Amino acid sequence: MEDKKTALIIEGGGQRGVFSFGITDTFINRAYDPFDIYIGVSNGVAVLYWYLIRETDNNLEKMLFAAKGDYLSYKNIFTGKDIFKFHQMFKDGEKMFKPNIENIKNNIDGKDYIAVVTDAIEANAEYYSFGDDEWMPKMIASGTLPVLVKTPSLINGRRKFDGGIMDPLPAKKAYEMGAKRILIIRTYEKKFRRKLKLENYIGALLLREYPKLRKALLEHDKTYNRALDFINNPPKDCEIIQLCPPEKLKSKRDSKNIEVLKADYILGKKVAEDFLVNP
């Protein structure tokens, strides 16, 4: 009989990932992990990180830690410094929460845990597997947003950016890896379709030294919506399930409102509980 793999994909979204944490914390508490492949994009890599460590005690606090910290300053747009101190946030978070990376090694034995990043020069999606070498730079690279993060994310000496630029919803990648049942945790509602935002034009303007990446930013709406088209019309031998917020999350990518973040975390738990009634 053909071995049919199952994949878990977690979309990015910055602080909207609090919703995703609500889902994965519920999965841990209910011992739900039928997956062979785990693929994270941007903040989704970090959500998977803690899911695979099997820690739920303070996952909400990890998101609130980012909100409470002094990591975001739009004033820095005029100074050339990081608007979002992304590298510093990860460094501080690692000291604060002391992740047990050995747990990941044990929990993914024989499985794949992948971070999606975008190469700055070629503007192509790259897929890095846990265990290749040091993991933290891959996690950071996957969420390194153009313009907001000035400090370069480097892998093998090449600059990388947020994986969501080129593969925001990597269901097709999971299918190519043999997954025939794919569960996607989204941070947007199911009806959402991507439109270009002002930040895409600003990013394209400021990244002229990377012409292919510049073009990718100006075509990001098409990239995202093509991924949605695959999800909504998968191959006949593939089942794709989306766990989405029932309506637009109140949390934004850069939210600092603690009560809003807590509410979206609780919403994620409810969505997971409803799903687990008949997974």
C-alpha atoms as a PDB file:
ATOM      1  CA  MET A   1       0.000   0.000   0.000  1.00  0.00           C
ATOM      2  CA  GLU A   2       1.269   3.463  -0.863  1.00  0.00           C
ATOM      3  CA  ASP A   3       2.576   5.419   2.099  1.00  0.00           C
ATOM      4  CA  LYS A   4       0.498   8.599   2.275  1.00  0.00           C
ATOM      5  CA  LYS A   5       2.121  11.315   4.308  1.00  0.00           C
ATOM      6  CA  THR A   6       0.348  13.972   6.346  1.00  0.00           C
ATOM      7  CA  ALA A   7       1.647  17.535   6.621  1.00  0.00           C
ATOM      8  CA  LEU A   8       1.125  20.455   8.982  1.00  0.00           C
ATOM      9  CA  ILE A   9       1.744  23.924   7.544  1.00  0.00           C
ATOM     10  CA  ILE A  10       1.653  27.107   9.611  1.00  0.00           C
ATOM     11  CA  GLU A  11       1.302  30.467   7.909  1.00  0.00           C
ATOM     12  CA  GLY A  12       3.156  33.533   9.123  1.00  0.00           C
ATOM     13  CA  GLY A  13       1.600  36.765  10.306  1.00  0.00           C
ATOM     14  CA  GLY A  14       3.684  38.273  13.085  1.00  0.00           C
ATOM     15  CA  GLN A  15       1.641  38.756  16.230  1.00  0.00           C
ATOM     16  CA  ARG A  16      -1.365  37.166  14.507  1.00  0.00           C
ATOM     17  CA  GLY A  17       0.521  33.937  15.225  1.00  0.00           C
ATOM     18  CA  VAL A  18      -1.025  34.043  18.677  1.00  0.00           C
ATOM     19  CA  PHE A  19      -4.050  32.425  17.012  1.00  0.00           C
ATOM     20  CA  SER A  20      -1.815  29.639  15.671  1.00  0.00           C
ATOM     21  CA  PHE A  21      -0.322  29.121  19.139  1.00  0.00           C
ATOM     22  CA  GLY A  22      -3.836  28.613  20.500  1.00  0.00           C
ATOM     23  CA  ILE A  23      -4.325  25.807  17.993  1.00  0.00           C
ATOM     24  CA  THR A  24      -0.981  24.076  18.515  1.00  0.00           C
ATOM     25  CA  ASP A  25      -1.217  24.334  22.310  1.00  0.00           C
ATOM     26  CA  THR A  26      -4.560  22.543  22.082  1.00  0.00           C
ATOM     27  CA  PHE A  27      -3.016  19.896  19.827  1.00  0.00           C
ATOM     28  CA  ILE A  28      -0.273  19.296  22.392  1.00  0.00           C
ATOM     29  CA  ASN A  29      -2.725  19.065  25.279  1.00  0.00           C
ATOM     30  CA  ARG A  30      -4.816  16.587  23.297  1.00  0.00           C
ATOM     31  CA  ALA A  31      -1.745  14.622  22.139  1.00  0.00           C
ATOM     32  CA  TYR A  32      -2.657  15.270  18.502  1.00  0.00           C
ATOM     33  CA  ASP A  33       0.258  14.832  16.109  1.00  0.00           C
ATOM     34  CA  PRO A  34      -0.418  12.575  13.121  1.00  0.00           C
ATOM     35  CA  PHE A  35       2.033  14.506  10.935  1.00  0.00           C
ATOM     36  CA  ASP A  36       5.057  13.397   8.928  1.00  0.00           C
ATOM     37  CA  ILE A  37       5.983  16.833   7.558  1.00  0.00           C
ATOM     38  CA  TYR A  38       5.990  20.215   9.305  1.00  0.00           C
ATOM     39  CA  ILE A  39       6.498  23.386   7.265  1.00  0.00           C
ATOM     40  CA  GLY A  40       6.586  26.861   8.790  1.00  0.00           C
ATOM     41  CA  VAL A  41       6.678  30.260   7.146  1.00  0.00           C
ATOM     42  CA  SER A  42       7.918  33.313   9.045  1.00  0.00           C
ATOM     43  CA  ASN A  43       6.366  33.253  12.536  1.00  0.00           C
ATOM     44  CA  GLY A  44       4.924  29.857  11.657  1.00  0.00           C
ATOM     45  CA  VAL A  45       8.419  28.345  11.997  1.00  0.00           C
ATOM     46  CA  ALA A  46       8.547  29.552  15.619  1.00  0.00           C
ATOM     47  CA  VAL A  47       5.049  28.229  16.364  1.00  0.00           C
ATOM     48  CA  LEU A  48       6.117  24.822  15.065  1.00  0.00           C
ATOM     49  CA  TYR A  49       9.305  25.081  17.119  1.00  0.00           C
ATOM     50  CA  TRP A  50       7.367  25.145  20.368  1.00  0.00           C
ATOM     51  CA  TYR A  51       4.809  22.630  19.126  1.00  0.00           C
ATOM     52  CA  LEU A  52       7.623  20.169  18.450  1.00  0.00           C
ATOM     53  CA  ILE A  53       9.229  20.896  21.796  1.00  0.00           C
ATOM     54  CA  ARG A  54       5.804  20.020  23.242  1.00  0.00           C
ATOM     55  CA  GLU A  55       5.712  23.010  25.548  1.00  0.00           C
ATOM     56  CA  THR A  56       2.434  24.791  26.271  1.00  0.00           C
ATOM     57  CA  ASP A  57       3.066  26.345  29.681  1.00  0.00           C
ATOM     58  CA  ASN A  58       3.977  29.817  28.446  1.00  0.00           C
ATOM     59  CA  ASN A  59       3.389  29.972  24.692  1.00  0.00           C
ATOM     60  CA  LEU A  60       0.977  32.852  25.098  1.00  0.00           C
ATOM     61  CA  GLU A  61       3.669  34.583  27.134  1.00  0.00           C
ATOM     62  CA  LYS A  62       6.091  34.207  24.214  1.00  0.00           C
ATOM     63  CA  MET A  63       3.792  36.325  22.045  1.00  0.00           C
ATOM     64  CA  LEU A  64       3.123  38.791  24.850  1.00  0.00           C
ATOM     65  CA  PHE A  65       6.884  38.992  25.425  1.00  0.00           C
ATOM     66  CA  ALA A  66       7.303  40.355  21.900  1.00  0.00           C
ATOM     67  CA  ALA A  67       4.420  42.779  22.417  1.00  0.00           C
ATOM     68  CA  LYS A  68       5.703  44.072  25.752  1.00  0.00           C
ATOM     69  CA  GLY A  69       9.321  44.393  24.675  1.00  0.00           C
ATOM     70  CA  ASP A  70      10.923  47.446  23.138  1.00  0.00           C
ATOM     71  CA  TYR A  71      11.423  45.800  19.763  1.00  0.00           C
ATOM     72  CA  LEU A  72       9.423  48.014  17.425  1.00  0.00           C
ATOM     73  CA  SER A  73      10.101  51.664  16.664  1.00  0.00           C
ATOM     74  CA  TYR A  74       8.870  53.281  13.472  1.00  0.00           C
ATOM     75  CA  LYS A  75      11.064  56.273  14.325  1.00  0.00           C
ATOM     76  CA  ASN A  76      14.011  54.214  13.145  1.00  0.00           C
ATOM     77  CA  ILE A  77      12.845  54.544   9.564  1.00  0.00           C
ATOM     78  CA  PHE A  78      14.758  57.835   9.650  1.00  0.00           C
ATOM     79  CA  THR A  79      17.895  56.466  11.348  1.00  0.00           C
ATOM     80  CA  GLY A  80      18.725  53.437   9.219  1.00  0.00           C
ATOM     81  CA  LYS A  81      18.429  51.140  12.241  1.00  0.00           C
ATOM     82  CA  ASP A  82      16.071  48.196  12.593  1.00  0.00           C
ATOM     83  CA  ILE A  83      12.459  49.333  12.801  1.00  0.00           C
ATOM     84  CA  PHE A  84      11.767  45.856  14.160  1.00  0.00           C
ATOM     85  CA  LYS A  85      14.644  44.523  16.300  1.00  0.00           C
ATOM     86  CA  PHE A  86      13.939  41.007  15.105  1.00  0.00           C
ATOM     87  CA  HIS A  87      17.331  39.425  15.753  1.00  0.00           C
ATOM     88  CA  GLN A  88      17.456  40.913  19.246  1.00  0.00           C
ATOM     89  CA  MET A  89      13.965  39.654  20.036  1.00  0.00           C
ATOM     90  CA  PHE A  90      14.944  36.079  19.174  1.00  0.00           C
ATOM     91  CA  LYS A  91      18.162  36.345  21.173  1.00  0.00           C
ATOM     92  CA  ASP A  92      16.324  37.685  24.233  1.00  0.00           C
ATOM     93  CA  GLY A  93      13.533  35.137  23.859  1.00  0.00           C
ATOM     94  CA  GLU A  94      15.977  32.243  23.766  1.00  0.00           C
ATOM     95  CA  LYS A  95      17.531  33.436  27.034  1.00  0.00           C
ATOM     96  CA  MET A  96      14.122  33.960  28.620  1.00  0.00           C
ATOM     97  CA  PHE A  97      12.384  30.710  27.623  1.00  0.00           C
ATOM     98  CA  LYS A  98      15.369  28.323  27.299  1.00  0.00           C
ATOM     99  CA  PRO A  99      14.026  25.986  24.584  1.00  0.00           C
ATOM    100  CA  ASN A 100      14.956  22.311  24.882  1.00  0.00           C
ATOM    101  CA  ILE A 101      15.998  21.610  21.316  1.00  0.00           C
ATOM    102  CA  GLU A 102      16.680  17.941  22.129  1.00  0.00           C
ATOM    103  CA  ASN A 103      12.912  17.470  22.388  1.00  0.00           C
ATOM    104  CA  ILE A 104      12.550  18.500  18.746  1.00  0.00           C
ATOM    105  CA  LYS A 105      15.182  15.986  17.673  1.00  0.00           C
ATOM    106  CA  ASN A 106      13.320  13.228  19.496  1.00  0.00           C
ATOM    107  CA  ASN A 107       9.860  14.257  18.282  1.00  0.00           C
ATOM    108  CA  ILE A 108      10.730  14.517  14.583  1.00  0.00           C
ATOM    109  CA  ASP A 109      12.769  11.334  14.284  1.00  0.00           C
ATOM    110  CA  GLY A 110      12.127  10.147  10.725  1.00  0.00           C
ATOM    111  CA  LYS A 111      10.089  13.270   9.929  1.00  0.00           C
ATOM    112  CA  ASP A 112      10.731  16.628   8.251  1.00  0.00           C
ATOM    113  CA  TYR A 113      10.591  20.067   9.918  1.00  0.00           C
ATOM    114  CA  ILE A 114      11.160  22.794   7.354  1.00  0.00           C
ATOM    115  CA  ALA A 115      11.604  26.574   7.371  1.00  0.00           C
ATOM    116  CA  VAL A 116      10.813  28.534   4.216  1.00  0.00           C
ATOM    117  CA  VAL A 117      13.041  31.496   3.344  1.00  0.00           C
ATOM    118  CA  THR A 118      13.441  33.754   0.308  1.00  0.00           C
ATOM    119  CA  ASP A 119      16.847  34.326  -1.259  1.00  0.00           C
ATOM    120  CA  ALA A 120      17.565  38.037  -1.764  1.00  0.00           C
ATOM    121  CA  ILE A 121      19.437  37.723  -5.052  1.00  0.00           C
ATOM    122  CA  GLU A 122      17.477  35.027  -6.877  1.00  0.00           C
ATOM    123  CA  ALA A 123      14.122  35.736  -5.167  1.00  0.00           C
ATOM    124  CA  ASN A 124      13.340  32.027  -5.021  1.00  0.00           C
ATOM    125  CA  ALA A 125      11.910  30.053  -2.129  1.00  0.00           C
ATOM    126  CA  GLU A 126      14.372  27.876  -0.234  1.00  0.00           C
ATOM    127  CA  TYR A 127      13.449  25.089   2.154  1.00  0.00           C
ATOM    128  CA  TYR A 128      15.757  24.343   5.070  1.00  0.00           C
ATOM    129  CA  SER A 129      15.363  21.172   7.094  1.00  0.00           C
ATOM    130  CA  PHE A 130      15.889  21.034  10.832  1.00  0.00           C
ATOM    131  CA  GLY A 131      19.135  19.268  11.613  1.00  0.00           C
ATOM    132  CA  ASP A 132      21.139  20.553   8.659  1.00  0.00           C
ATOM    133  CA  ASP A 133      23.063  22.847  11.025  1.00  0.00           C
ATOM    134  CA  GLU A 134      22.281  25.649  13.475  1.00  0.00           C
ATOM    135  CA  TRP A 135      18.533  26.228  13.414  1.00  0.00           C
ATOM    136  CA  MET A 136      18.044  29.688  14.926  1.00  0.00           C
ATOM    137  CA  PRO A 137      19.416  31.578  11.868  1.00  0.00           C
ATOM    138  CA  LYS A 138      16.898  29.711   9.669  1.00  0.00           C
ATOM    139  CA  MET A 139      14.020  30.694  11.949  1.00  0.00           C
ATOM    140  CA  ILE A 140      15.138  34.314  11.967  1.00  0.00           C
ATOM    141  CA  ALA A 141      15.668  34.389   8.202  1.00  0.00           C
ATOM    142  CA  SER A 142      12.193  33.010   7.569  1.00  0.00           C
ATOM    143  CA  GLY A 143      10.657  36.032   9.315  1.00  0.00           C
ATOM    144  CA  THR A 144      13.085  38.770   8.227  1.00  0.00           C
ATOM    145  CA  LEU A 145      10.892  41.377   6.597  1.00  0.00           C
ATOM    146  CA  PRO A 146      12.333  43.811   4.053  1.00  0.00           C
ATOM    147  CA  VAL A 147      12.478  47.438   5.223  1.00  0.00           C
ATOM    148  CA  LEU A 148      11.436  46.654   8.819  1.00  0.00           C
ATOM    149  CA  VAL A 149      14.560  44.573   9.528  1.00  0.00           C
ATOM    150  CA  LYS A 150      17.800  46.205   8.413  1.00  0.00           C
ATOM    151  CA  THR A 151      20.169  43.744  10.088  1.00  0.00           C
ATOM    152  CA  PRO A 152      20.952  41.119   7.422  1.00  0.00           C
ATOM    153  CA  SER A 153      19.908  37.500   7.856  1.00  0.00           C
ATOM    154  CA  LEU A 154      22.674  35.427   6.314  1.00  0.00           C
ATOM    155  CA  ILE A 155      22.749  31.729   5.466  1.00  0.00           C
ATOM    156  CA  ASN A 156      25.946  30.440   3.875  1.00  0.00           C
ATOM    157  CA  GLY A 157      26.970  34.048   3.344  1.00  0.00           C
ATOM    158  CA  ARG A 158      23.887  34.985   1.316  1.00  0.00           C
ATOM    159  CA  ARG A 159      21.192  37.384   2.438  1.00  0.00           C
ATOM    160  CA  LYS A 160      17.736  35.924   3.053  1.00  0.00           C
ATOM    161  CA  PHE A 161      14.299  37.370   3.683  1.00  0.00           C
ATOM    162  CA  ASP A 162      10.851  36.295   4.846  1.00  0.00           C
ATOM    163  CA  GLY A 163       9.781  32.995   3.282  1.00  0.00           C
ATOM    164  CA  GLY A 164       6.292  34.348   2.800  1.00  0.00           C
ATOM    165  CA  ILE A 165       7.485  36.539  -0.066  1.00  0.00           C
ATOM    166  CA  MET A 166       7.894  33.571  -2.413  1.00  0.00           C
ATOM    167  CA  ASP A 167       5.960  30.714  -0.768  1.00  0.00           C
ATOM    168  CA  PRO A 168       3.500  32.055   1.812  1.00  0.00           C
ATOM    169  CA  LEU A 169       1.327  28.905   1.888  1.00  0.00           C
ATOM    170  CA  PRO A 170       3.566  25.978   0.886  1.00  0.00           C
ATOM    171  CA  ALA A 171       0.865  23.366   0.340  1.00  0.00           C
ATOM    172  CA  LYS A 172       2.235  22.543  -3.121  1.00  0.00           C
ATOM    173  CA  LYS A 173       5.680  21.927  -1.603  1.00  0.00           C
ATOM    174  CA  ALA A 174       4.161  19.559   0.970  1.00  0.00           C
ATOM    175  CA  TYR A 175       2.329  17.713  -1.808  1.00  0.00           C
ATOM    176  CA  GLU A 176       5.556  17.396  -3.792  1.00  0.00           C
ATOM    177  CA  MET A 177       7.118  15.862  -0.684  1.00  0.00           C
ATOM    178  CA  GLY A 178       4.440  13.165  -0.696  1.00  0.00           C
ATOM    179  CA  ALA A 179       1.798  14.634   1.598  1.00  0.00           C
ATOM    180  CA  LYS A 180      -1.695  13.558   0.594  1.00  0.00           C
ATOM    181  CA  ARG A 181      -3.426  15.054   3.639  1.00  0.00           C
ATOM    182  CA  ILE A 182      -2.421  18.619   4.478  1.00  0.00           C
ATOM    183  CA  LEU A 183      -3.579  20.688   7.414  1.00  0.00           C
ATOM    184  CA  ILE A 184      -2.899  24.417   7.139  1.00  0.00           C
ATOM    185  CA  ILE A 185      -3.159  26.786  10.092  1.00  0.00           C
ATOM    186  CA  ARG A 186      -3.954  30.174   8.611  1.00  0.00           C
ATOM    187  CA  THR A 187      -3.823  33.623  10.199  1.00  0.00           C
ATOM    188  CA  TYR A 188      -6.332  35.030   7.731  1.00  0.00           C
ATOM    189  CA  GLU A 189      -9.969  34.149   7.297  1.00  0.00           C
ATOM    190  CA  LYS A 190     -10.858  31.618   4.597  1.00  0.00           C
ATOM    191  CA  LYS A 191     -12.319  34.151   2.159  1.00  0.00           C
ATOM    192  CA  PHE A 192      -9.192  36.353   2.279  1.00  0.00           C
ATOM    193  CA  ARG A 193      -7.465  37.215  -1.004  1.00  0.00           C
ATOM    194  CA  ARG A 194      -4.199  39.130  -1.054  1.00  0.00           C
ATOM    195  CA  LYS A 195      -3.953  42.654  -2.417  1.00  0.00           C
ATOM    196  CA  LEU A 196      -0.743  44.619  -2.746  1.00  0.00           C
ATOM    197  CA  LYS A 197      -0.097  46.898   0.205  1.00  0.00           C
ATOM    198  CA  LEU A 198       1.847  50.114   0.532  1.00  0.00           C
ATOM    199  CA  GLU A 199       4.698  48.221   2.200  1.00  0.00           C
ATOM    200  CA  ASN A 200       5.214  46.209  -1.010  1.00  0.00           C
ATOM    201  CA  TYR A 201       5.842  49.391  -2.973  1.00  0.00           C
ATOM    202  CA  ILE A 202       8.080  50.821  -0.254  1.00  0.00           C
ATOM    203  CA  GLY A 203      10.054  47.582  -0.088  1.00  0.00           C
ATOM    204  CA  ALA A 204      10.478  47.519  -3.855  1.00  0.00           C
ATOM    205  CA  LEU A 205      11.663  51.121  -3.802  1.00  0.00           C
ATOM    206  CA  LEU A 206      14.229  50.525  -1.059  1.00  0.00           C
ATOM    207  CA  LEU A 207      15.582  47.193  -2.326  1.00  0.00           C
ATOM    208  CA  ARG A 208      16.735  48.260  -5.753  1.00  0.00           C
ATOM    209  CA  GLU A 209      20.024  46.380  -5.274  1.00  0.00           C
ATOM    210  CA  TYR A 210      17.954  43.163  -5.500  1.00  0.00           C
ATOM    211  CA  PRO A 211      15.985  43.521  -8.762  1.00  0.00           C
ATOM    212  CA  LYS A 212      14.444  40.024  -8.670  1.00  0.00           C
ATOM    213  CA  LEU A 213      13.303  40.490  -5.089  1.00  0.00           C
ATOM    214  CA  ARG A 214      11.945  43.915  -5.984  1.00  0.00           C
ATOM    215  CA  LYS A 215       9.844  42.335  -8.727  1.00  0.00           C
ATOM    216  CA  ALA A 216       8.666  39.601  -6.340  1.00  0.00           C
ATOM    217  CA  LEU A 217       7.412  42.191  -3.850  1.00  0.00           C
ATOM    218  CA  LEU A 218       5.415  43.891  -6.604  1.00  0.00           C
ATOM    219  CA  GLU A 219       3.879  40.563  -7.582  1.00  0.00           C
ATOM    220  CA  HIS A 220       3.278  39.219  -4.090  1.00  0.00           C
ATOM    221  CA  ASP A 221      -0.495  39.372  -4.420  1.00  0.00           C
ATOM    222  CA  LYS A 222      -0.326  37.016  -7.418  1.00  0.00           C
ATOM    223  CA  THR A 223       2.076  34.660  -5.598  1.00  0.00           C
ATOM    224  CA  TYR A 224      -0.179  34.459  -2.552  1.00  0.00           C
ATOM    225  CA  ASN A 225      -3.381  34.008  -4.515  1.00  0.00           C
ATOM    226  CA  ARG A 226      -1.848  31.279  -6.700  1.00  0.00           C
ATOM    227  CA  ALA A 227      -1.077  29.386  -3.498  1.00  0.00           C
ATOM    228  CA  LEU A 228      -4.694  29.833  -2.440  1.00  0.00           C
ATOM    229  CA  ASP A 229      -5.856  28.510  -5.811  1.00  0.00           C
ATOM    230  CA  PHE A 230      -3.849  25.301  -5.230  1.00  0.00           C
ATOM    231  CA  ILE A 231      -5.296  24.968  -1.728  1.00  0.00           C
ATOM    232  CA  ASN A 232      -8.857  25.467  -2.900  1.00  0.00           C
ATOM    233  CA  ASN A 233      -8.424  23.155  -5.904  1.00  0.00           C
ATOM    234  CA  PRO A 234      -5.967  20.461  -4.828  1.00  0.00           C
ATOM    235  CA  PRO A 235      -5.055  17.390  -6.891  1.00  0.00           C
ATOM    236  CA  LYS A 236      -7.616  14.594  -6.702  1.00  0.00           C
ATOM    237  CA  ASP A 237      -5.371  12.444  -4.520  1.00  0.00           C
ATOM    238  CA  CYS A 238      -4.824  15.219  -1.948  1.00  0.00           C
ATOM    239  CA  GLU A 239      -7.027  16.498   0.885  1.00  0.00           C
ATOM    240  CA  ILE A 240      -6.308  19.996   2.207  1.00  0.00           C
ATOM    241  CA  ILE A 241      -7.917  21.258   5.420  1.00  0.00           C
ATOM    242  CA  GLN A 242      -7.680  24.870   6.532  1.00  0.00           C
ATOM    243  CA  LEU A 243      -7.973  26.023  10.134  1.00  0.00           C
ATOM    244  CA  CYS A 244      -8.785  29.708   9.788  1.00  0.00           C
ATOM    245  CA  PRO A 245     -10.126  32.378  12.100  1.00  0.00           C
ATOM    246  CA  PRO A 246     -13.882  32.641  11.467  1.00  0.00           C
ATOM    247  CA  GLU A 247     -13.440  36.339  10.773  1.00  0.00           C
ATOM    248  CA  LYS A 248     -10.536  38.759  10.512  1.00  0.00           C
ATOM    249  CA  LEU A 249      -8.347  38.597  13.620  1.00  0.00           C
ATOM    250  CA  LYS A 250      -8.252  41.698  15.755  1.00  0.00           C
ATOM    251  CA  SER A 251      -4.511  41.175  16.240  1.00  0.00           C
ATOM    252  CA  LYS A 252      -2.279  42.862  13.689  1.00  0.00           C
ATOM    253  CA  ARG A 253       1.237  41.866  12.699  1.00  0.00           C
ATOM    254  CA  ASP A 254       2.664  44.425  15.153  1.00  0.00           C
ATOM    255  CA  SER A 255      -0.046  44.338  17.849  1.00  0.00           C
ATOM    256  CA  LYS A 256       0.880  45.318  21.398  1.00  0.00           C
ATOM    257  CA  ASN A 257      -2.623  45.184  22.892  1.00  0.00           C
ATOM    258  CA  ILE A 258      -2.396  42.358  25.419  1.00  0.00           C
ATOM    259  CA  GLU A 259      -6.141  41.794  25.732  1.00  0.00           C
ATOM    260  CA  VAL A 260      -6.565  41.582  21.948  1.00  0.00           C
ATOM    261  CA  LEU A 261      -3.739  39.054  21.705  1.00  0.00           C
ATOM    262  CA  LYS A 262      -5.177  36.955  24.518  1.00  0.00           C
ATOM    263  CA  ALA A 263      -8.593  36.929  22.851  1.00  0.00           C
ATOM    264  CA  ASP A 264      -7.170  35.692  19.544  1.00  0.00           C
ATOM    265  CA  TYR A 265      -5.190  33.003  21.388  1.00  0.00           C
ATOM    266  CA  ILE A 266      -8.423  31.786  23.010  1.00  0.00           C
ATOM    267  CA  LEU A 267     -10.108  31.876  19.598  1.00  0.00           C
ATOM    268  CA  GLY A 268      -7.360  29.609  18.244  1.00  0.00           C
ATOM    269  CA  LYS A 269      -8.009  27.144  21.067  1.00  0.00           C
ATOM    270  CA  LYS A 270     -11.718  27.094  20.223  1.00  0.00           C
ATOM    271  CA  VAL A 271     -11.064  26.509  16.517  1.00  0.00           C
ATOM    272  CA  ALA A 272      -8.755  23.602  17.438  1.00  0.00           C
ATOM    273  CA  GLU A 273     -11.281  22.064  19.834  1.00  0.00           C
ATOM    274  CA  ASP A 274     -14.002  22.226  17.166  1.00  0.00           C
ATOM    275  CA  PHE A 275     -11.669  20.582  14.654  1.00  0.00           C
ATOM    276  CA  LEU A 276     -10.666  17.798  17.043  1.00  0.00           C
ATOM    277  CA  VAL A 277     -14.272  16.710  17.466  1.00  0.00           C
ATOM    278  CA  ASN A 278     -13.890  15.135  14.022  1.00  0.00           C
ATOM    279  CA  PRO A 279     -10.269  15.572  12.862  1.00  0.00           C
END
